[in-house]
C-alpha cells in the first residue's frame, strides 16, 4: 500500500499565519459578496435584464429569470475589479478587527 507523504508539524507561528490568511480571505470574500449584491440591485434598478415590451418577448419565463441576468453581470463586474466598493469594505472590516483584537 502506498503511504501518503508525512505532513510537516505546524508551529504556533505558522498556525497563526494560516488563521490570519484564512481570515483575510474570508473578509475579502464578504466584501466582494456585498459589492456583488449592491451592484445587482443597482443593475436591476437600471433595468438590466428587464424584459423588453413588444413582439418577440421571452414570455413569463423571462420575468422569472431576469434577476439572474443582473446577478451574473454583477459577479462579472466584481471579478474584474468592480467599482472599488469591496476594497473600502475590506479596509473597514480589517480596521474593525484590529480594534477588537487586544
C-alpha atoms as a PDB file:
ATOM      1  CA  UNK A   1       0.000   0.000   0.000  1.00  0.00           C
ATOM      2  CA  UNK A   2       1.312   3.474  -0.886  1.00  0.00           C
ATOM      3  CA  UNK A   3       1.684   5.788   2.063  1.00  0.00           C
ATOM      4  CA  UNK A   4       0.951   9.494   1.614  1.00  0.00           C
ATOM      5  CA  UNK A   5       3.849  11.799   2.425  1.00  0.00           C
ATOM      6  CA  UNK A   6       4.044  12.946   6.016  1.00  0.00           C
ATOM      7  CA  UNK A   7       2.930  16.486   6.631  1.00  0.00           C
ATOM      8  CA  UNK A   8       5.275  18.818   8.484  1.00  0.00           C
ATOM      9  CA  UNK A   9       4.268  19.737  12.007  1.00  0.00           C
ATOM     10  CA  UNK A  10       2.755  23.178  12.292  1.00  0.00           C
ATOM     11  CA  UNK A  11       4.365  25.571  14.680  1.00  0.00           C
ATOM     12  CA  UNK A  12       2.189  28.053  16.585  1.00  0.00           C
ATOM     13  CA  UNK A  13       3.529  30.840  14.341  1.00  0.00           C
ATOM     14  CA  UNK A  14       2.589  29.033  11.118  1.00  0.00           C
ATOM     15  CA  UNK A  15      -0.828  28.188  12.580  1.00  0.00           C
ATOM     16  CA  UNK A  16      -1.389  31.872  13.385  1.00  0.00           C
ATOM     17  CA  UNK A  17      -0.314  32.853   9.859  1.00  0.00           C
ATOM     18  CA  UNK A  18      -2.687  30.301   8.341  1.00  0.00           C
ATOM     19  CA  UNK A  19      -5.509  31.597  10.513  1.00  0.00           C
ATOM     20  CA  UNK A  20      -4.707  35.192   9.543  1.00  0.00           C
ATOM     21  CA  UNK A  21      -4.635  34.412   5.840  1.00  0.00           C
ATOM     22  CA  UNK A  22      -7.907  32.487   6.168  1.00  0.00           C
ATOM     23  CA  UNK A  23      -9.445  35.447   7.993  1.00  0.00           C
ATOM     24  CA  UNK A  24      -8.175  37.829   5.318  1.00  0.00           C
ATOM     25  CA  UNK A  25      -9.658  35.655   2.557  1.00  0.00           C
ATOM     26  CA  UNK A  26     -12.961  35.475   4.442  1.00  0.00           C
ATOM     27  CA  UNK A  27     -13.048  39.273   4.843  1.00  0.00           C
ATOM     28  CA  UNK A  28     -12.308  39.755   1.147  1.00  0.00           C
ATOM     29  CA  UNK A  29     -14.990  37.239   0.176  1.00  0.00           C
ATOM     30  CA  UNK A  30     -17.522  39.025   2.392  1.00  0.00           C
ATOM     31  CA  UNK A  31     -16.617  42.399   0.916  1.00  0.00           C
ATOM     32  CA  UNK A  32     -16.918  41.073  -2.641  1.00  0.00           C
ATOM     33  CA  UNK A  33     -20.249  39.406  -1.830  1.00  0.00           C
ATOM     34  CA  UNK A  34     -21.580  42.723  -0.531  1.00  0.00           C
ATOM     35  CA  UNK A  35     -20.346  44.586  -3.618  1.00  0.00           C
ATOM     36  CA  UNK A  36     -21.946  41.928  -5.839  1.00  0.00           C
ATOM     37  CA  UNK A  37     -25.301  42.283  -4.065  1.00  0.00           C
ATOM     38  CA  UNK A  38     -25.087  46.078  -4.262  1.00  0.00           C
ATOM     39  CA  UNK A  39     -24.255  46.070  -7.970  1.00  0.00           C
ATOM     40  CA  UNK A  40     -27.003  43.522  -8.718  1.00  0.00           C
ATOM     41  CA  UNK A  41     -29.573  45.796  -7.095  1.00  0.00           C
ATOM     42  CA  UNK A  42     -28.248  48.821  -8.976  1.00  0.00           C
ATOM     43  CA  UNK A  43     -28.364  46.935 -12.270  1.00  0.00           C
ATOM     44  CA  UNK A  44     -31.926  45.779 -11.569  1.00  0.00           C
ATOM     45  CA  UNK A  45     -32.922  49.378 -10.807  1.00  0.00           C
ATOM     46  CA  UNK A  46     -31.300  50.479 -14.061  1.00  0.00           C
ATOM     47  CA  UNK A  47     -33.378  47.929 -15.949  1.00  0.00           C
ATOM     48  CA  UNK A  48     -30.649  45.428 -16.842  1.00  0.00           C
ATOM     49  CA  UNK A  49     -32.354  42.132 -17.585  1.00  0.00           C
ATOM     50  CA  UNK A  50     -35.763  43.728 -17.719  1.00  0.00           C
ATOM     51  CA  UNK A  51     -37.912  42.178 -20.455  1.00  0.00           C
ATOM     52  CA  UNK A  52     -38.476  44.365 -23.480  1.00  0.00           C
ATOM     53  CA  UNK A  53     -42.000  45.334 -24.453  1.00  0.00           C
ATOM     54  CA  UNK A  54     -43.468  44.286 -27.737  1.00  0.00           C
ATOM     55  CA  UNK A  55     -43.345  41.368 -30.118  1.00  0.00           C
ATOM     56  CA  UNK A  56     -40.873  38.570 -29.510  1.00  0.00           C
ATOM     57  CA  UNK A  57     -40.582  38.779 -25.729  1.00  0.00           C
ATOM     58  CA  UNK A  58     -39.489  35.725 -23.810  1.00  0.00           C
ATOM     59  CA  UNK A  59     -42.799  35.305 -22.019  1.00  0.00           C
ATOM     60  CA  UNK A  60     -43.390  34.514 -18.358  1.00  0.00           C
ATOM     61  CA  UNK A  61     -40.061  32.696 -18.026  1.00  0.00           C
ATOM     62  CA  UNK A  62     -38.167  35.812 -18.957  1.00  0.00           C
ATOM     63  CA  UNK A  63     -39.596  37.672 -15.964  1.00  0.00           C
ATOM     64  CA  UNK A  64     -38.658  34.788 -13.708  1.00  0.00           C
ATOM     65  CA  UNK A  65     -35.003  34.717 -14.737  1.00  0.00           C
ATOM     66  CA  UNK A  66     -34.393  38.460 -15.215  1.00  0.00           C
ATOM     67  CA  UNK A  67     -32.861  38.816 -11.746  1.00  0.00           C
ATOM     68  CA  UNK A  68     -30.329  36.077 -12.550  1.00  0.00           C
ATOM     69  CA  UNK A  69     -29.155  38.121 -15.513  1.00  0.00           C
ATOM     70  CA  UNK A  70     -28.403  41.134 -13.295  1.00  0.00           C
ATOM     71  CA  UNK A  71     -26.686  38.908 -10.716  1.00  0.00           C
ATOM     72  CA  UNK A  72     -24.398  37.371 -13.338  1.00  0.00           C
ATOM     73  CA  UNK A  73     -23.449  40.813 -14.638  1.00  0.00           C
ATOM     74  CA  UNK A  74     -22.743  41.979 -11.083  1.00  0.00           C
ATOM     75  CA  UNK A  75     -20.484  38.958 -10.441  1.00  0.00           C
ATOM     76  CA  UNK A  76     -18.620  39.599 -13.681  1.00  0.00           C
ATOM     77  CA  UNK A  77     -18.096  43.251 -12.725  1.00  0.00           C
ATOM     78  CA  UNK A  78     -16.722  42.334  -9.299  1.00  0.00           C
ATOM     79  CA  UNK A  79     -14.470  39.641 -10.791  1.00  0.00           C
ATOM     80  CA  UNK A  80     -12.914  42.340 -12.993  1.00  0.00           C
ATOM     81  CA  UNK A  81     -12.315  44.748 -10.121  1.00  0.00           C
ATOM     82  CA  UNK A  82     -15.794  46.137  -9.580  1.00  0.00           C
ATOM     83  CA  UNK A  83     -16.274  49.754  -8.649  1.00  0.00           C
ATOM     84  CA  UNK A  84     -13.894  49.673  -5.692  1.00  0.00           C
ATOM     85  CA  UNK A  85     -16.576  49.176  -3.065  1.00  0.00           C
ATOM     86  CA  UNK A  86     -15.150  45.822  -1.934  1.00  0.00           C
ATOM     87  CA  UNK A  87     -11.767  47.453  -1.288  1.00  0.00           C
ATOM     88  CA  UNK A  88     -13.317  50.039   1.038  1.00  0.00           C
ATOM     89  CA  UNK A  89     -15.465  47.461   2.821  1.00  0.00           C
ATOM     90  CA  UNK A  90     -12.477  45.161   3.298  1.00  0.00           C
ATOM     91  CA  UNK A  91     -10.403  48.027   4.729  1.00  0.00           C
ATOM     92  CA  UNK A  92     -13.212  48.900   7.154  1.00  0.00           C
ATOM     93  CA  UNK A  93     -13.551  45.267   8.265  1.00  0.00           C
ATOM     94  CA  UNK A  94      -9.787  44.945   8.796  1.00  0.00           C
ATOM     95  CA  UNK A  95      -9.748  48.176  10.821  1.00  0.00           C
ATOM     96  CA  UNK A  96     -12.679  46.960  12.909  1.00  0.00           C
ATOM     97  CA  UNK A  97     -10.950  43.636  13.564  1.00  0.00           C
ATOM     98  CA  UNK A  98      -7.774  45.424  14.677  1.00  0.00           C
ATOM     99  CA  UNK A  99      -9.763  47.448  17.222  1.00  0.00           C
ATOM    100  CA  UNK A 100     -11.461  44.304  18.546  1.00  0.00           C
ATOM    101  CA  UNK A 101      -8.156  42.404  18.881  1.00  0.00           C
ATOM    102  CA  UNK A 102      -6.367  43.091  22.185  1.00  0.00           C
END
